[in-house]
PDB file of N, CA and C in Angstrom:
ATOM      1  N   MET A   1     -41.341  36.267  15.351  1.00  0.00           N
ATOM      2  CA  MET A   1     -40.156  36.263  16.076  1.00  0.00           C
ATOM      3  C   MET A   1     -39.680  34.624  15.935  1.00  0.00           C
ATOM      4  N   ALA A   2     -40.776  33.799  16.120  1.00  0.00           N
ATOM      5  CA  ALA A   2     -40.964  31.805  15.938  1.00  0.00           C
ATOM      6  C   ALA A   2     -40.475  31.774  14.924  1.00  0.00           C
ATOM      7  N   LEU A   3     -41.386  32.400  13.376  1.00  0.00           N
ATOM      8  CA  LEU A   3     -41.135  32.549  12.188  1.00  0.00           C
ATOM      9  C   LEU A   3     -39.500  32.545  11.651  1.00  0.00           C
ATOM     10  N   VAL A   4     -38.958  33.723  12.159  1.00  0.00           N
ATOM     11  CA  VAL A   4     -37.653  33.971  11.736  1.00  0.00           C
ATOM     12  C   VAL A   4     -36.527  33.062  12.400  1.00  0.00           C
ATOM     13  N   LEU A   5     -36.738  32.634  13.366  1.00  0.00           N
ATOM     14  CA  LEU A   5     -36.015  31.888  14.139  1.00  0.00           C
ATOM     15  C   LEU A   5     -36.108  30.271  13.481  1.00  0.00           C
ATOM     16  N   SER A   6     -37.401  30.449  13.629  1.00  0.00           N
ATOM     17  CA  SER A   6     -37.489  28.731  12.287  1.00  0.00           C
ATOM     18  C   SER A   6     -36.906  28.633  11.040  1.00  0.00           C
ATOM     19  N   GLY A   7     -36.529  30.132  10.304  1.00  0.00           N
ATOM     20  CA  GLY A   7     -36.151  30.221   9.087  1.00  0.00           C
ATOM     21  C   GLY A   7     -34.597  29.777   9.637  1.00  0.00           C
ATOM     22  N   ILE A   8     -34.209  30.299  10.810  1.00  0.00           N
ATOM     23  CA  ILE A   8     -32.881  30.668  10.708  1.00  0.00           C
ATOM     24  C   ILE A   8     -32.591  29.212  11.039  1.00  0.00           C
ATOM     25  N   GLY A   9     -32.842  28.636  11.846  1.00  0.00           N
ATOM     26  CA  GLY A   9     -32.905  26.631  12.198  1.00  0.00           C
ATOM     27  C   GLY A   9     -32.870  26.444  10.716  1.00  0.00           C
ATOM     28  N   THR A  10     -33.522  26.056   9.718  1.00  0.00           N
ATOM     29  CA  THR A  10     -33.921  25.675   8.677  1.00  0.00           C
ATOM     30  C   THR A  10     -32.748  25.578   7.610  1.00  0.00           C
ATOM     31  N   VAL A  11     -32.109  27.131   7.278  1.00  0.00           N
ATOM     32  CA  VAL A  11     -30.952  27.661   6.942  1.00  0.00           C
ATOM     33  C   VAL A  11     -29.567  26.862   7.517  1.00  0.00           C
ATOM     34  N   CYS A  12     -29.786  27.097   8.927  1.00  0.00           N
ATOM     35  CA  CYS A  12     -28.177  26.311   9.212  1.00  0.00           C
ATOM     36  C   CYS A  12     -28.498  24.685   9.121  1.00  0.00           C
ATOM     37  N   TRP A  13     -29.280  24.323   9.506  1.00  0.00           N
ATOM     38  CA  TRP A  13     -29.813  22.764   8.995  1.00  0.00           C
ATOM     39  C   TRP A  13     -29.477  22.708   7.498  1.00  0.00           C
ATOM     40  N   ALA A  14     -29.504  23.296   6.445  1.00  0.00           N
ATOM     41  CA  ALA A  14     -29.223  23.554   5.115  1.00  0.00           C
ATOM     42  C   ALA A  14     -27.746  22.928   5.355  1.00  0.00           C
ATOM     43  N   VAL A  15     -26.764  24.415   5.672  1.00  0.00           N
ATOM     44  CA  VAL A  15     -25.478  24.805   5.629  1.00  0.00           C
ATOM     45  C   VAL A  15     -24.733  23.100   6.093  1.00  0.00           C
ATOM     46  N   CYS A  16     -25.482  22.765   7.163  1.00  0.00           N
ATOM     47  CA  CYS A  16     -25.090  21.605   8.086  1.00  0.00           C
ATOM     48  C   CYS A  16     -24.607  20.500   6.888  1.00  0.00           C
ATOM     49  N   PHE A  17     -26.275  19.891   6.570  1.00  0.00           N
ATOM     50  CA  PHE A  17     -26.363  19.428   5.644  1.00  0.00           C
ATOM     51  C   PHE A  17     -25.200  19.205   4.694  1.00  0.00           C
ATOM     52  N   TRP A  18     -24.978  19.958   3.724  1.00  0.00           N
ATOM     53  CA  TRP A  18     -24.061  20.506   2.798  1.00  0.00           C
ATOM     54  C   TRP A  18     -22.692  20.375   3.232  1.00  0.00           C
ATOM     55  N   TRP A  19     -22.585  20.875   4.326  1.00  0.00           N
ATOM     56  CA  TRP A  19     -21.071  20.443   4.962  1.00  0.00           C
ATOM     57  C   TRP A  19     -20.787  18.810   5.136  1.00  0.00           C
ATOM     58  N   MET A  20     -21.808  18.571   6.002  1.00  0.00           N
ATOM     59  CA  MET A  20     -21.603  17.195   6.030  1.00  0.00           C
ATOM     60  C   MET A  20     -21.514  15.907   4.792  1.00  0.00           C
ATOM     61  N   HIS A  21     -22.225  16.422   4.184  1.00  0.00           N
ATOM     62  CA  HIS A  21     -21.963  15.836   2.544  1.00  0.00           C
ATOM     63  C   HIS A  21     -20.759  16.059   2.036  1.00  0.00           C
ATOM     64  N   ARG A  22     -20.411  17.181   2.319  1.00  0.00           N
ATOM     65  CA  ARG A  22     -18.839  17.483   1.832  1.00  0.00           C
ATOM     66  C   ARG A  22     -17.625  16.907   2.197  1.00  0.00           C
ATOM     67  N   ILE A  23     -17.841  17.200   3.720  1.00  0.00           N
ATOM     68  CA  ILE A  23     -16.715  15.946   4.352  1.00  0.00           C
ATOM     69  C   ILE A  23     -16.914  14.323   4.006  1.00  0.00           C
ATOM     70  N   SER A  24     -18.167  13.998   3.782  1.00  0.00           N
ATOM     71  CA  SER A  24     -18.594  12.529   3.373  1.00  0.00           C
ATOM     72  C   SER A  24     -17.876  12.208   2.117  1.00  0.00           C
ATOM     73  N   SER A  25     -17.973  13.123   0.925  1.00  0.00           N
ATOM     74  CA  SER A  25     -17.496  13.327  -0.268  1.00  0.00           C
ATOM     75  C   SER A  25     -15.974  13.134  -0.084  1.00  0.00           C
ATOM     76  N   ARG A  26     -15.134  13.881   0.504  1.00  0.00           N
ATOM     77  CA  ARG A  26     -13.949  13.783   0.312  1.00  0.00           C
ATOM     78  C   ARG A  26     -13.564  12.974   1.099  1.00  0.00           C
ATOM     79  N   GLN A  27     -13.987  12.292   2.370  1.00  0.00           N
ATOM     80  CA  GLN A  27     -13.752  10.628   2.620  1.00  0.00           C
ATOM     81  C   GLN A  27     -13.971   9.737   2.106  1.00  0.00           C
ATOM     82  N   ASP A  28     -14.907   9.446   1.369  1.00  0.00           N
ATOM     83  CA  ASP A  28     -15.037   8.351  -0.064  1.00  0.00           C
ATOM     84  C   ASP A  28     -14.005   8.509  -0.916  1.00  0.00           C
ATOM     85  N   ALA A  29     -13.603   9.940  -0.974  1.00  0.00           N
ATOM     86  CA  ALA A  29     -12.049   9.832  -2.261  1.00  0.00           C
ATOM     87  C   ALA A  29     -11.255   9.540  -1.812  1.00  0.00           C
ATOM     88  N   LEU A  30     -10.893   9.760  -0.311  1.00  0.00           N
ATOM     89  CA  LEU A  30      -9.898   9.479   0.352  1.00  0.00           C
ATOM     90  C   LEU A  30      -9.278   8.066   0.463  1.00  0.00           C
ATOM     91  N   LEU A  31     -10.512   7.302   0.961  1.00  0.00           N
ATOM     92  CA  LEU A  31     -10.697   5.865   1.267  1.00  0.00           C
ATOM     93  C   LEU A  31     -10.840   5.083  -0.142  1.00  0.00           C
ATOM     94  N   GLN A  32     -11.411   5.406  -1.565  1.00  0.00           N
ATOM     95  CA  GLN A  32     -11.103   5.169  -2.345  1.00  0.00           C
ATOM     96  C   GLN A  32      -9.680   4.790  -2.866  1.00  0.00           C
ATOM     97  N   GLU A  33      -9.166   6.265  -3.019  1.00  0.00           N
ATOM     98  CA  GLU A  33      -7.378   6.518  -2.887  1.00  0.00           C
ATOM     99  C   GLU A  33      -6.780   5.842  -2.082  1.00  0.00           C
ATOM    100  N   LEU A  34      -6.882   5.125  -1.294  1.00  0.00           N
ATOM    101  CA  LEU A  34      -6.307   4.142  -0.355  1.00  0.00           C
ATOM    102  C   LEU A  34      -6.444   2.949  -0.857  1.00  0.00           C
ATOM    103  N   ARG A  35      -7.679   2.524  -1.104  1.00  0.00           N
ATOM    104  CA  ARG A  35      -7.772   1.266  -1.706  1.00  0.00           C
ATOM    105  C   ARG A  35      -7.055   0.958  -2.749  1.00  0.00           C
ATOM    106  N   GLU A  36      -6.878   1.985  -3.826  1.00  0.00           N
ATOM    107  CA  GLU A  36      -6.185   1.992  -4.584  1.00  0.00           C
ATOM    108  C   GLU A  36      -4.767   1.809  -4.453  1.00  0.00           C
ATOM    109  N   VAL A  37      -3.735   2.149  -3.595  1.00  0.00           N
ATOM    110  CA  VAL A  37      -2.997   2.248  -3.237  1.00  0.00           C
ATOM    111  C   VAL A  37      -2.355   1.130  -2.529  1.00  0.00           C
ATOM    112  N   THR A  38      -3.524   0.672  -1.921  1.00  0.00           N
ATOM    113  CA  THR A  38      -3.241  -0.956  -0.819  1.00  0.00           C
ATOM    114  C   THR A  38      -3.481  -1.628  -2.126  1.00  0.00           C
ATOM    115  N   THR A  39      -4.039  -1.871  -3.170  1.00  0.00           N
ATOM    116  CA  THR A  39      -3.927  -2.783  -4.426  1.00  0.00           C
ATOM    117  C   THR A  39      -2.818  -2.818  -4.795  1.00  0.00           C
ATOM    118  N   ARG A  40      -2.441  -1.330  -5.260  1.00  0.00           N
ATOM    119  CA  ARG A  40      -0.611  -1.516  -6.303  1.00  0.00           C
ATOM    120  C   ARG A  40       0.193  -2.122  -4.599  1.00  0.00           C
ATOM    121  N   ILE A  41       0.081  -1.590  -3.932  1.00  0.00           N
ATOM    122  CA  ILE A  41       1.195  -2.698  -2.863  1.00  0.00           C
ATOM    123  C   ILE A  41       0.986  -4.105  -2.711  1.00  0.00           C
ATOM    124  N   GLU A  42      -0.184  -4.836  -3.103  1.00  0.00           N
ATOM    125  CA  GLU A  42      -0.483  -5.821  -2.905  1.00  0.00           C
ATOM    126  C   GLU A  42       0.131  -6.322  -3.832  1.00  0.00           C
ATOM    127  N   LYS A  43       0.054  -5.828  -5.086  1.00  0.00           N
ATOM    128  CA  LYS A  43       1.051  -6.163  -6.330  1.00  0.00           C
ATOM    129  C   LYS A  43       2.085  -6.106  -6.616  1.00  0.00           C
ATOM    130  N   LEU A  44       2.485  -5.565  -6.094  1.00  0.00           N
ATOM    131  CA  LEU A  44       4.020  -5.352  -5.750  1.00  0.00           C
ATOM    132  C   LEU A  44       4.814  -6.266  -4.718  1.00  0.00           C
ATOM    133  N   SER A  45       3.638  -6.437  -3.869  1.00  0.00           N
ATOM    134  CA  SER A  45       4.258  -6.943  -2.745  1.00  0.00           C
ATOM    135  C   SER A  45       4.250  -8.721  -3.289  1.00  0.00           C
ATOM    136  N   GLN A  46       3.294  -9.347  -4.310  1.00  0.00           N
ATOM    137  CA  GLN A  46       3.140 -10.197  -4.604  1.00  0.00           C
ATOM    138  C   GLN A  46       4.316 -10.269  -5.822  1.00  0.00           C
ATOM    139  N   ALA A  47       4.956  -9.305  -6.403  1.00  0.00           N
ATOM    140  CA  ALA A  47       5.722  -9.535  -7.616  1.00  0.00           C
ATOM    141  C   ALA A  47       7.110  -9.932  -6.707  1.00  0.00           C
ATOM    142  N   GLU A  48       7.301  -9.005  -5.457  1.00  0.00           N
ATOM    143  CA  GLU A  48       8.153  -8.910  -5.344  1.00  0.00           C
ATOM    144  C   GLU A  48       8.848 -10.507  -4.140  1.00  0.00           C
ATOM    145  N   HIS A  49       7.396 -11.336  -3.789  1.00  0.00           N
ATOM    146  CA  HIS A  49       7.559 -12.444  -3.122  1.00  0.00           C
ATOM    147  C   HIS A  49       7.828 -13.520  -4.209  1.00  0.00           C
ATOM    148  N   ASP A  50       7.322 -13.228  -5.692  1.00  0.00           N
ATOM    149  CA  ASP A  50       7.277 -14.345  -6.463  1.00  0.00           C
ATOM    150  C   ASP A  50       9.001 -14.270  -7.406  1.00  0.00           C
ATOM    151  N   LEU A  51       9.319 -13.237  -7.183  1.00  0.00           N
ATOM    152  CA  LEU A  51      10.805 -13.377  -7.479  1.00  0.00           C
ATOM    153  C   LEU A  51      12.254 -13.495  -6.253  1.00  0.00           C
ATOM    154  N   ILE A  52      11.576 -13.323  -5.044  1.00  0.00           N
ATOM    155  CA  ILE A  52      12.382 -14.030  -4.238  1.00  0.00           C
ATOM    156  C   ILE A  52      12.061 -15.441  -4.159  1.00  0.00           C
ATOM    157  N   SER A  53      10.585 -15.764  -4.483  1.00  0.00           N
ATOM    158  CA  SER A  53      10.845 -17.447  -4.518  1.00  0.00           C
ATOM    159  C   SER A  53      11.584 -17.790  -5.541  1.00  0.00           C
ATOM    160  N   GLU A  54      11.672 -17.312  -6.640  1.00  0.00           N
ATOM    161  CA  GLU A  54      12.581 -17.876  -7.925  1.00  0.00           C
ATOM    162  C   GLU A  54      14.149 -17.797  -7.346  1.00  0.00           C
ATOM    163  N   VAL A  55      14.208 -16.931  -6.957  1.00  0.00           N
ATOM    164  CA  VAL A  55      15.598 -16.612  -6.736  1.00  0.00           C
ATOM    165  C   VAL A  55      16.146 -17.692  -5.089  1.00  0.00           C
ATOM    166  N   HIS A  56      15.623 -17.537  -4.108  1.00  0.00           N
ATOM    167  CA  HIS A  56      15.786 -18.496  -3.325  1.00  0.00           C
ATOM    168  C   HIS A  56      16.577 -19.679  -3.799  1.00  0.00           C
ATOM    169  N   PRO A  57      15.855 -20.464  -4.481  1.00  0.00           N
ATOM    170  CA  PRO A  57      16.510 -22.046  -4.738  1.00  0.00           C
ATOM    171  C   PRO A  57      17.822 -21.795  -5.388  1.00  0.00           C
ATOM    172  N   GLN A  58      18.119 -20.638  -6.171  1.00  0.00           N
ATOM    173  CA  GLN A  58      19.374 -20.406  -6.721  1.00  0.00           C
ATOM    174  C   GLN A  58      20.110 -20.192  -6.023  1.00  0.00           C
ATOM    175  N   VAL A  59      19.885 -19.369  -4.874  1.00  0.00           N
ATOM    176  CA  VAL A  59      21.092 -19.212  -3.925  1.00  0.00           C
ATOM    177  C   VAL A  59      21.881 -20.342  -3.665  1.00  0.00           C
ATOM    178  N   ASN A  60      21.050 -21.150  -2.752  1.00  0.00           N
ATOM    179  CA  ASN A  60      21.907 -21.965  -2.450  1.00  0.00           C
ATOM    180  C   ASN A  60      22.610 -22.763  -3.681  1.00  0.00           C
ATOM    181  N   GLU A  61      22.160 -23.094  -4.563  1.00  0.00           N
ATOM    182  CA  GLU A  61      23.315 -23.518  -5.746  1.00  0.00           C
ATOM    183  C   GLU A  61      24.163 -22.827  -6.074  1.00  0.00           C
ATOM    184  N   ILE A  62      23.740 -21.269  -6.072  1.00  0.00           N
ATOM    185  CA  ILE A  62      25.570 -20.575  -5.826  1.00  0.00           C
ATOM    186  C   ILE A  62      26.602 -20.635  -5.185  1.00  0.00           C
ATOM    187  N   LYS A  63      25.845 -20.426  -3.650  1.00  0.00           N
ATOM    188  CA  LYS A  63      26.597 -21.054  -2.382  1.00  0.00           C
ATOM    189  C   LYS A  63      27.573 -21.744  -3.010  1.00  0.00           C
ATOM    190  N   GLU A  64      27.143 -23.027  -3.371  1.00  0.00           N
ATOM    191  CA  GLU A  64      27.525 -24.414  -3.247  1.00  0.00           C
ATOM    192  C   GLU A  64      28.600 -24.220  -4.657  1.00  0.00           C
ATOM    193  N   HIS A  65      28.367 -23.588  -5.499  1.00  0.00           N
ATOM    194  CA  HIS A  65      29.368 -23.403  -6.423  1.00  0.00           C
ATOM    195  C   HIS A  65      30.779 -22.842  -5.873  1.00  0.00           C
ATOM    196  N   VAL A  66      30.013 -21.515  -5.114  1.00  0.00           N
ATOM    197  CA  VAL A  66      31.450 -20.576  -4.805  1.00  0.00           C
ATOM    198  C   VAL A  66      31.876 -21.435  -4.055  1.00  0.00           C
ATOM    199  N   GLN A  67      32.009 -22.137  -3.143  1.00  0.00           N
ATOM    200  CA  GLN A  67      32.298 -23.087  -2.630  1.00  0.00           C
ATOM    201  C   GLN A  67      33.177 -23.945  -3.184  1.00  0.00           C
ATOM    202  N   ASP A  68      32.707 -24.937  -4.218  1.00  0.00           N
ATOM    203  CA  ASP A  68      33.577 -25.545  -4.958  1.00  0.00           C
ATOM    204  C   ASP A  68      34.623 -24.697  -5.998  1.00  0.00           C
ATOM    205  N   VAL A  69      34.257 -23.634  -6.102  1.00  0.00           N
ATOM    206  CA  VAL A  69      35.388 -22.667  -6.654  1.00  0.00           C
ATOM    207  C   VAL A  69      36.840 -22.788  -5.781  1.00  0.00           C
ATOM    208  N   ARG A  70      36.130 -21.898  -4.685  1.00  0.00           N
ATOM    209  CA  ARG A  70      36.755 -21.614  -3.813  1.00  0.00           C
ATOM    210  C   ARG A  70      37.852 -22.508  -3.268  1.00  0.00           C
ATOM    211  N   GLN A  71      37.478 -23.875  -3.421  1.00  0.00           N
ATOM    212  CA  GLN A  71      38.337 -24.873  -2.775  1.00  0.00           C
ATOM    213  C   GLN A  71      39.446 -25.499  -4.006  1.00  0.00           C
ATOM    214  N   VAL A  72      38.987 -25.376  -5.174  1.00  0.00           N
ATOM    215  CA  VAL A  72      39.711 -25.369  -6.475  1.00  0.00           C
ATOM    216  C   VAL A  72      40.622 -23.943  -6.281  1.00  0.00           C
ATOM    217  N   VAL A  73      40.413 -22.916  -6.092  1.00  0.00           N
ATOM    218  CA  VAL A  73      41.194 -22.009  -6.172  1.00  0.00           C
ATOM    219  C   VAL A  73      42.081 -21.644  -5.033  1.00  0.00           C
ATOM    220  N   SER A  74      41.957 -22.149  -3.885  1.00  0.00           N
ATOM    221  CA  SER A  74      42.396 -21.870  -2.557  1.00  0.00           C
ATOM    222  C   SER A  74      43.785 -22.298  -2.436  1.00  0.00           C
ATOM    223  N   PRO A  75      44.739 -21.285  -1.898  1.00  0.00           N
ATOM    224  CA  PRO A  75      46.137 -21.225  -2.053  1.00  0.00           C
ATOM    225  C   PRO A  75      46.492 -22.872  -0.906  1.00  0.00           C
ATOM    226  N   LYS A  76      45.662 -23.310  -0.358  1.00  0.00           N
ATOM    227  CA  LYS A  76      46.297 -24.431   0.286  1.00  0.00           C
ATOM    228  C   LYS A  76      46.611 -25.796  -0.441  1.00  0.00           C
ATOM    229  N   ASN A  77      46.021 -25.568  -1.848  1.00  0.00           N
ATOM    230  CA  ASN A  77      45.972 -26.790  -3.192  1.00  0.00           C
ATOM    231  C   ASN A  77      46.981 -26.693  -4.053  1.00  0.00           C
ATOM    232  N   ASN A  78      47.940 -25.452  -3.970  1.00  0.00           N
ATOM    233  CA  ASN A  78      48.950 -24.919  -4.626  1.00  0.00           C
ATOM    234  C   ASN A  78      50.304 -25.815  -3.815  1.00  0.00           C
TER     235      ASN A  78
END
């Protein structure tokens, strides 16, 4: 009887080990996918930041030019 229970315990241990290994493999795959997504998001964020940095100084210049044009075109001057 003890030998049967010992055999059942060993089989259960092997199944549990296999199950935990499978869960761990899935977790590793998910973490790798999350790392890749994070890397892509960081690259996109950096590109967006670079674009905004390029455009931001130009926005003030455009506003100044719009004010100049507004003053020239304004009906008060006519």
